Amino acid sequence: MADYSPTNRAYFKVSIDGVDYANFVAVEGLGATAEVADDMGGMDKNPRKVVGKVKYDTVTLTRNADPRDNTLKEWWNTVERGTPEQKSVSIIFLDRNGTDEIMRRDLFNCVPCAWTMSDLSSIDKMGVNQEKISFVYEDAKWG
């Protein structure tokens, strides 16, 4: 029987262009879908399935906002200025102690497509401000 040890979804970190950021609290959208077509060629009575291009989901990173760290805002500003900057992003899965890397998902040619800040309110909401950046990417690999 294979040794089975599932990862804990709370233990991860994010690296952007090789710089580790430990303050992300959520990563959403690490999915992908491949186009599937029927191949009716040859003498087969049943169509064969042919897998084609891969489409990656939009990824959203959420972190507690720090007014001293403008990394995400500056990356988003490249989009607002009309010169979107491509970056590489790695989602690094950590062991159960939250210290050692056990696997990673490397995303290439990432470009932001949305940036949001949590709503501000002095009336009914307490807590930490969060910022989110969503991006699309062209290629990925498991490492």
N, C-alpha and C. Protein backbone atom coordinates (compact mmCIF):
# COMPACT_ATOMS: atom_id res chain seq x y z
N MET A 1 0.84 -1.17 0.00
CA MET A 1 0.00 0.00 0.00
C MET A 1 0.89 1.24 0.00
N ALA A 2 0.53 2.22 -0.78
CA ALA A 2 1.31 3.44 -0.91
C ALA A 2 1.20 4.27 0.37
N ASP A 3 2.28 4.99 0.67
CA ASP A 3 2.29 5.91 1.80
C ASP A 3 1.47 7.13 1.42
N TYR A 4 0.42 7.42 2.19
CA TYR A 4 -0.50 8.50 1.86
C TYR A 4 -0.43 9.56 2.94
N SER A 5 -0.07 10.77 2.53
CA SER A 5 0.03 11.87 3.49
C SER A 5 -0.49 13.14 2.83
N PRO A 6 -1.78 13.45 3.00
CA PRO A 6 -2.34 14.63 2.34
C PRO A 6 -1.72 15.92 2.87
N THR A 7 -1.68 16.93 2.00
CA THR A 7 -1.13 18.22 2.41
C THR A 7 -2.20 19.00 3.17
N ASN A 8 -1.74 19.90 4.02
CA ASN A 8 -2.63 20.77 4.77
C ASN A 8 -2.80 22.05 3.98
N ARG A 9 -4.03 22.42 3.68
CA ARG A 9 -4.26 23.57 2.81
C ARG A 9 -3.91 24.90 3.45
N ALA A 10 -3.60 24.92 4.75
CA ALA A 10 -3.21 26.16 5.42
C ALA A 10 -1.72 26.44 5.30
N TYR A 11 -0.94 25.45 4.89
CA TYR A 11 0.52 25.61 4.85
C TYR A 11 1.00 25.80 3.42
N PHE A 12 1.19 27.05 3.05
CA PHE A 12 1.67 27.39 1.72
C PHE A 12 2.35 28.74 1.79
N LYS A 13 3.10 29.04 0.75
CA LYS A 13 3.63 30.40 0.58
C LYS A 13 3.64 30.70 -0.90
N VAL A 14 3.79 31.97 -1.21
CA VAL A 14 3.75 32.44 -2.59
C VAL A 14 5.07 33.13 -2.89
N SER A 15 5.62 32.81 -4.06
CA SER A 15 6.84 33.46 -4.52
C SER A 15 6.51 34.17 -5.84
N ILE A 16 6.89 35.45 -5.91
CA ILE A 16 6.69 36.23 -7.14
C ILE A 16 8.04 36.65 -7.66
N ASP A 17 8.37 36.20 -8.86
CA ASP A 17 9.69 36.44 -9.45
C ASP A 17 10.81 36.08 -8.49
N GLY A 18 10.65 34.95 -7.81
CA GLY A 18 11.70 34.42 -6.95
C GLY A 18 11.75 35.01 -5.55
N VAL A 19 10.87 35.96 -5.23
CA VAL A 19 10.85 36.55 -3.89
C VAL A 19 9.70 35.93 -3.10
N ASP A 20 10.01 35.34 -1.95
CA ASP A 20 9.00 34.70 -1.13
C ASP A 20 8.19 35.73 -0.35
N TYR A 21 6.88 35.55 -0.38
CA TYR A 21 5.96 36.38 0.40
C TYR A 21 5.16 35.45 1.30
N ALA A 22 5.37 35.55 2.59
CA ALA A 22 4.71 34.64 3.53
C ALA A 22 3.39 35.19 4.04
N ASN A 23 2.98 36.35 3.57
CA ASN A 23 1.79 36.97 4.14
C ASN A 23 0.52 36.76 3.32
N PHE A 24 0.51 35.83 2.39
CA PHE A 24 -0.73 35.54 1.66
C PHE A 24 -1.58 34.60 2.51
N VAL A 25 -2.88 34.89 2.55
CA VAL A 25 -3.78 34.09 3.37
C VAL A 25 -4.67 33.17 2.54
N ALA A 26 -4.71 33.39 1.21
CA ALA A 26 -5.55 32.54 0.36
C ALA A 26 -5.03 32.55 -1.08
N VAL A 27 -5.19 31.41 -1.73
CA VAL A 27 -4.92 31.26 -3.16
C VAL A 27 -6.13 30.55 -3.75
N GLU A 28 -6.73 31.15 -4.76
CA GLU A 28 -7.91 30.56 -5.40
C GLU A 28 -7.66 30.42 -6.90
N GLY A 29 -8.21 29.35 -7.50
CA GLY A 29 -8.21 29.22 -8.94
C GLY A 29 -7.05 28.47 -9.55
N LEU A 30 -6.48 27.51 -8.85
CA LEU A 30 -5.35 26.76 -9.42
C LEU A 30 -5.82 25.62 -10.31
N GLY A 31 -6.83 25.85 -11.10
CA GLY A 31 -7.36 24.81 -11.96
C GLY A 31 -7.01 25.01 -13.43
N ALA A 32 -7.26 23.97 -14.20
CA ALA A 32 -7.02 24.00 -15.65
C ALA A 32 -7.99 23.05 -16.33
N THR A 33 -8.29 23.33 -17.58
CA THR A 33 -9.18 22.49 -18.38
C THR A 33 -8.58 22.32 -19.76
N ALA A 34 -8.70 21.14 -20.31
CA ALA A 34 -8.21 20.89 -21.67
C ALA A 34 -9.41 20.75 -22.62
N GLU A 35 -9.26 21.30 -23.82
CA GLU A 35 -10.27 21.11 -24.85
C GLU A 35 -10.27 19.64 -25.26
N VAL A 36 -11.45 19.11 -25.52
CA VAL A 36 -11.56 17.71 -25.97
C VAL A 36 -12.40 17.70 -27.25
N ALA A 37 -11.88 17.01 -28.26
CA ALA A 37 -12.59 16.90 -29.54
C ALA A 37 -12.73 15.42 -29.91
N ASP A 38 -13.73 15.13 -30.74
CA ASP A 38 -13.91 13.77 -31.25
C ASP A 38 -13.16 13.63 -32.56
N ASP A 39 -12.41 12.55 -32.69
CA ASP A 39 -11.72 12.24 -33.94
C ASP A 39 -12.48 11.09 -34.60
N MET A 40 -13.09 11.37 -35.72
CA MET A 40 -13.93 10.38 -36.41
C MET A 40 -13.19 9.69 -37.56
N GLY A 41 -11.89 9.86 -37.65
CA GLY A 41 -11.14 9.29 -38.76
C GLY A 41 -10.99 7.79 -38.65
N GLY A 42 -10.50 7.18 -39.72
CA GLY A 42 -10.21 5.76 -39.73
C GLY A 42 -11.45 4.89 -39.81
N MET A 43 -11.31 3.65 -39.44
CA MET A 43 -12.38 2.67 -39.54
C MET A 43 -13.10 2.44 -38.22
N ASP A 44 -12.76 3.20 -37.20
CA ASP A 44 -13.39 3.01 -35.89
C ASP A 44 -14.86 3.39 -35.94
N LYS A 45 -15.70 2.60 -35.30
CA LYS A 45 -17.12 2.96 -35.24
C LYS A 45 -17.39 3.97 -34.14
N ASN A 46 -16.50 4.06 -33.17
CA ASN A 46 -16.65 5.03 -32.07
C ASN A 46 -15.57 6.11 -32.19
N PRO A 47 -15.95 7.34 -31.92
CA PRO A 47 -14.95 8.41 -32.01
C PRO A 47 -13.91 8.29 -30.90
N ARG A 48 -12.71 8.67 -31.23
CA ARG A 48 -11.64 8.73 -30.23
C ARG A 48 -11.58 10.15 -29.70
N LYS A 49 -11.26 10.26 -28.44
CA LYS A 49 -11.15 11.58 -27.81
C LYS A 49 -9.74 12.10 -28.00
N VAL A 50 -9.65 13.34 -28.46
CA VAL A 50 -8.37 13.99 -28.68
C VAL A 50 -8.31 15.20 -27.76
N VAL A 51 -7.29 15.24 -26.92
CA VAL A 51 -7.12 16.35 -25.99
C VAL A 51 -6.31 17.43 -26.68
N GLY A 52 -6.80 18.67 -26.57
CA GLY A 52 -6.15 19.79 -27.25
C GLY A 52 -5.56 20.81 -26.30
N LYS A 53 -5.81 22.06 -26.58
CA LYS A 53 -5.22 23.16 -25.82
C LYS A 53 -5.71 23.17 -24.38
N VAL A 54 -4.81 23.62 -23.49
CA VAL A 54 -5.12 23.74 -22.07
C VAL A 54 -5.47 25.19 -21.76
N LYS A 55 -6.55 25.38 -21.01
CA LYS A 55 -6.95 26.71 -20.56
C LYS A 55 -6.83 26.75 -19.05
N TYR A 56 -6.07 27.73 -18.55
CA TYR A 56 -5.86 27.87 -17.12
C TYR A 56 -6.88 28.82 -16.51
N ASP A 57 -7.33 28.52 -15.30
CA ASP A 57 -8.26 29.38 -14.59
C ASP A 57 -7.54 30.64 -14.11
N THR A 58 -8.30 31.67 -13.84
CA THR A 58 -7.75 32.89 -13.26
C THR A 58 -7.41 32.62 -11.80
N VAL A 59 -6.22 33.01 -11.38
CA VAL A 59 -5.76 32.81 -10.01
C VAL A 59 -5.93 34.11 -9.24
N THR A 60 -6.42 34.00 -8.01
CA THR A 60 -6.54 35.16 -7.13
C THR A 60 -5.74 34.91 -5.86
N LEU A 61 -4.87 35.86 -5.55
CA LEU A 61 -4.08 35.83 -4.32
C LEU A 61 -4.66 36.85 -3.35
N THR A 62 -4.82 36.46 -2.09
CA THR A 62 -5.32 37.37 -1.06
C THR A 62 -4.28 37.46 0.05
N ARG A 63 -4.05 38.69 0.50
CA ARG A 63 -3.13 38.87 1.62
C ARG A 63 -3.60 40.03 2.49
N ASN A 64 -3.13 40.03 3.74
CA ASN A 64 -3.39 41.14 4.63
C ASN A 64 -2.58 42.33 4.13
N ALA A 65 -3.27 43.45 3.92
CA ALA A 65 -2.63 44.62 3.31
C ALA A 65 -1.64 45.26 4.28
N ASP A 66 -0.48 45.59 3.77
CA ASP A 66 0.55 46.31 4.51
C ASP A 66 0.85 47.57 3.72
N PRO A 67 0.55 48.75 4.27
CA PRO A 67 0.75 49.98 3.49
C PRO A 67 2.20 50.24 3.11
N ARG A 68 3.14 49.56 3.76
CA ARG A 68 4.56 49.74 3.43
C ARG A 68 5.01 48.87 2.26
N ASP A 69 4.19 47.89 1.86
CA ASP A 69 4.56 46.97 0.79
C ASP A 69 3.64 47.22 -0.41
N ASN A 70 4.18 47.82 -1.44
CA ASN A 70 3.40 48.17 -2.63
C ASN A 70 3.57 47.18 -3.78
N THR A 71 4.11 46.01 -3.51
CA THR A 71 4.41 45.05 -4.57
C THR A 71 3.22 44.77 -5.48
N LEU A 72 2.08 44.42 -4.90
CA LEU A 72 0.92 44.09 -5.71
C LEU A 72 0.34 45.31 -6.40
N LYS A 73 0.29 46.43 -5.69
CA LYS A 73 -0.24 47.67 -6.29
C LYS A 73 0.63 48.13 -7.46
N GLU A 74 1.94 48.01 -7.30
CA GLU A 74 2.84 48.40 -8.40
C GLU A 74 2.68 47.48 -9.60
N TRP A 75 2.49 46.20 -9.34
CA TRP A 75 2.26 45.25 -10.44
C TRP A 75 0.96 45.60 -11.15
N TRP A 76 -0.10 45.90 -10.38
CA TRP A 76 -1.37 46.30 -10.98
C TRP A 76 -1.22 47.60 -11.75
N ASN A 77 -0.42 48.54 -11.24
CA ASN A 77 -0.23 49.82 -11.93
C ASN A 77 0.33 49.65 -13.34
N THR A 78 1.10 48.58 -13.59
CA THR A 78 1.61 48.35 -14.94
C THR A 78 0.46 48.12 -15.92
N VAL A 79 -0.63 47.52 -15.44
CA VAL A 79 -1.82 47.31 -16.27
C VAL A 79 -2.52 48.64 -16.51
N GLU A 80 -2.68 49.43 -15.44
CA GLU A 80 -3.36 50.72 -15.59
C GLU A 80 -2.60 51.66 -16.51
N ARG A 81 -1.27 51.53 -16.55
CA ARG A 81 -0.46 52.38 -17.43
C ARG A 81 -0.39 51.85 -18.85
N GLY A 82 -0.97 50.68 -19.10
CA GLY A 82 -0.99 50.12 -20.45
C GLY A 82 0.26 49.34 -20.82
N THR A 83 1.09 49.02 -19.83
CA THR A 83 2.30 48.23 -20.07
C THR A 83 2.35 47.06 -19.09
N PRO A 84 1.41 46.11 -19.22
CA PRO A 84 1.34 45.02 -18.24
C PRO A 84 2.65 44.25 -18.15
N GLU A 85 3.11 44.08 -16.93
CA GLU A 85 4.37 43.38 -16.68
C GLU A 85 4.10 41.91 -16.39
N GLN A 86 4.81 41.03 -17.10
CA GLN A 86 4.68 39.60 -16.87
C GLN A 86 5.62 39.18 -15.75
N LYS A 87 5.12 38.34 -14.86
CA LYS A 87 5.93 37.81 -13.77
C LYS A 87 5.71 36.31 -13.67
N SER A 88 6.60 35.66 -12.96
CA SER A 88 6.43 34.25 -12.64
C SER A 88 5.96 34.15 -11.19
N VAL A 89 4.98 33.30 -10.95
CA VAL A 89 4.44 33.11 -9.61
C VAL A 89 4.53 31.63 -9.27
N SER A 90 5.00 31.33 -8.07
CA SER A 90 5.04 29.95 -7.59
C SER A 90 4.20 29.82 -6.35
N ILE A 91 3.34 28.81 -6.34
CA ILE A 91 2.57 28.47 -5.16
C ILE A 91 3.30 27.27 -4.54
N ILE A 92 3.81 27.45 -3.34
CA ILE A 92 4.66 26.46 -2.71
C ILE A 92 3.90 25.79 -1.57
N PHE A 93 3.71 24.48 -1.69
CA PHE A 93 3.02 23.70 -0.68
C PHE A 93 4.04 23.27 0.37
N LEU A 94 3.70 23.48 1.65
CA LEU A 94 4.62 23.17 2.73
C LEU A 94 4.16 21.93 3.51
N ASP A 95 5.10 21.31 4.20
CA ASP A 95 4.79 20.12 4.99
C ASP A 95 3.89 20.46 6.17
N ARG A 96 3.54 19.45 6.95
CA ARG A 96 2.61 19.63 8.07
C ARG A 96 3.16 20.54 9.17
N ASN A 97 4.45 20.77 9.18
CA ASN A 97 5.04 21.70 10.15
C ASN A 97 5.05 23.13 9.60
N GLY A 98 4.74 23.30 8.32
CA GLY A 98 4.72 24.61 7.70
C GLY A 98 6.11 25.16 7.42
N THR A 99 7.11 24.28 7.30
CA THR A 99 8.48 24.74 7.12
C THR A 99 9.13 24.29 5.82
N ASP A 100 8.98 23.03 5.46
CA ASP A 100 9.69 22.49 4.30
C ASP A 100 8.78 22.36 3.08
N GLU A 101 9.33 22.70 1.92
CA GLU A 101 8.59 22.57 0.66
C GLU A 101 8.41 21.11 0.31
N ILE A 102 7.17 20.74 -0.07
CA ILE A 102 6.93 19.37 -0.50
C ILE A 102 6.56 19.30 -1.98
N MET A 103 6.02 20.39 -2.53
CA MET A 103 5.78 20.48 -3.96
C MET A 103 5.45 21.94 -4.30
N ARG A 104 5.39 22.23 -5.60
CA ARG A 104 5.07 23.59 -6.02
C ARG A 104 4.37 23.58 -7.36
N ARG A 105 3.63 24.65 -7.59
CA ARG A 105 3.00 24.90 -8.88
C ARG A 105 3.58 26.20 -9.39
N ASP A 106 4.35 26.11 -10.47
CA ASP A 106 4.98 27.28 -11.07
C ASP A 106 4.10 27.79 -12.21
N LEU A 107 3.79 29.08 -12.18
CA LEU A 107 2.94 29.72 -13.18
C LEU A 107 3.78 30.74 -13.93
N PHE A 108 3.71 30.72 -15.26
CA PHE A 108 4.60 31.54 -16.08
C PHE A 108 3.82 32.57 -16.90
N ASN A 109 4.48 33.70 -17.16
CA ASN A 109 3.89 34.80 -17.94
C ASN A 109 2.57 35.27 -17.33
N CYS A 110 2.60 35.52 -16.04
CA CYS A 110 1.42 35.98 -15.30
C CYS A 110 1.23 37.47 -15.51
N VAL A 111 -0.02 37.86 -15.78
CA VAL A 111 -0.38 39.27 -15.97
C VAL A 111 -1.64 39.55 -15.15
N PRO A 112 -1.64 40.62 -14.34
CA PRO A 112 -2.82 40.94 -13.54
C PRO A 112 -4.03 41.28 -14.41
N CYS A 113 -5.20 40.88 -13.92
CA CYS A 113 -6.45 41.24 -14.60
C CYS A 113 -7.44 41.87 -13.63
N ALA A 114 -7.12 41.91 -12.33
CA ALA A 114 -7.99 42.58 -11.35
C ALA A 114 -7.20 42.81 -10.06
N TRP A 115 -7.51 43.90 -9.38
CA TRP A 115 -6.94 44.20 -8.06
C TRP A 115 -8.05 44.81 -7.22
N THR A 116 -8.22 44.33 -5.98
CA THR A 116 -9.24 44.89 -5.09
C THR A 116 -8.70 45.02 -3.68
N MET A 117 -9.27 45.97 -2.96
CA MET A 117 -8.99 46.18 -1.55
C MET A 117 -10.28 45.96 -0.80
N SER A 118 -10.20 45.43 0.42
CA SER A 118 -11.42 45.22 1.20
C SER A 118 -12.12 46.54 1.47
N ASP A 119 -13.42 46.47 1.67
CA ASP A 119 -14.20 47.67 1.96
C ASP A 119 -13.74 48.26 3.29
N LEU A 120 -13.79 49.58 3.38
CA LEU A 120 -13.43 50.28 4.60
C LEU A 120 -14.71 50.75 5.30
N SER A 121 -14.76 50.59 6.61
CA SER A 121 -15.92 51.04 7.36
C SER A 121 -15.55 51.21 8.82
N SER A 122 -15.89 52.37 9.38
CA SER A 122 -15.67 52.58 10.81
C SER A 122 -16.94 52.35 11.61
N ILE A 123 -18.00 51.92 10.92
CA ILE A 123 -19.28 51.74 11.58
C ILE A 123 -19.48 50.30 12.07
N ASP A 124 -19.37 49.35 11.15
CA ASP A 124 -19.78 48.00 11.53
C ASP A 124 -18.76 46.91 11.24
N LYS A 125 -17.62 47.25 10.73
CA LYS A 125 -16.67 46.20 10.38
C LYS A 125 -15.33 46.47 11.04
N MET A 126 -14.86 45.47 11.75
CA MET A 126 -13.53 45.54 12.34
C MET A 126 -12.70 44.44 11.69
N GLY A 127 -11.41 44.58 11.75
CA GLY A 127 -10.55 43.55 11.19
C GLY A 127 -9.46 44.15 10.34
N VAL A 128 -8.76 43.28 9.69
CA VAL A 128 -7.60 43.64 8.89
C VAL A 128 -8.02 43.91 7.45
N ASN A 129 -7.47 44.97 6.87
CA ASN A 129 -7.69 45.22 5.44
C ASN A 129 -6.97 44.16 4.64
N GLN A 130 -7.62 43.69 3.59
CA GLN A 130 -7.00 42.71 2.71
C GLN A 130 -7.00 43.25 1.29
N GLU A 131 -5.98 42.82 0.54
CA GLU A 131 -5.95 43.14 -0.88
C GLU A 131 -5.88 41.84 -1.66
N LYS A 132 -6.48 41.87 -2.85
CA LYS A 132 -6.49 40.70 -3.73
C LYS A 132 -5.97 41.14 -5.08
N ILE A 133 -5.20 40.26 -5.69
CA ILE A 133 -4.81 40.47 -7.08
C ILE A 133 -5.15 39.19 -7.83
N SER A 134 -5.80 39.36 -8.96
CA SER A 134 -6.13 38.23 -9.83
C SER A 134 -5.28 38.35 -11.08
N PHE A 135 -4.84 37.20 -11.59
CA PHE A 135 -4.02 37.22 -12.79
C PHE A 135 -4.29 36.01 -13.66
N VAL A 136 -3.98 36.18 -14.92
CA VAL A 136 -4.03 35.09 -15.90
C VAL A 136 -2.59 34.71 -16.21
N TYR A 137 -2.42 33.52 -16.72
CA TYR A 137 -1.07 33.06 -17.05
C TYR A 137 -1.11 32.14 -18.26
N GLU A 138 0.05 31.98 -18.90
CA GLU A 138 0.11 31.25 -20.16
C GLU A 138 0.58 29.81 -20.05
N ASP A 139 1.33 29.49 -19.00
CA ASP A 139 1.89 28.15 -18.89
C ASP A 139 2.11 27.82 -17.41
N ALA A 140 2.19 26.53 -17.11
CA ALA A 140 2.39 26.11 -15.73
C ALA A 140 3.07 24.75 -15.70
N LYS A 141 3.66 24.45 -14.56
CA LYS A 141 4.22 23.11 -14.37
C LYS A 141 4.23 22.79 -12.89
N TRP A 142 4.16 21.51 -12.60
CA TRP A 142 4.33 21.03 -11.23
C TRP A 142 5.80 20.78 -11.01
N GLY A 143 6.30 21.19 -9.87
CA GLY A 143 7.71 20.98 -9.56
C GLY A 143 7.90 20.39 -8.20
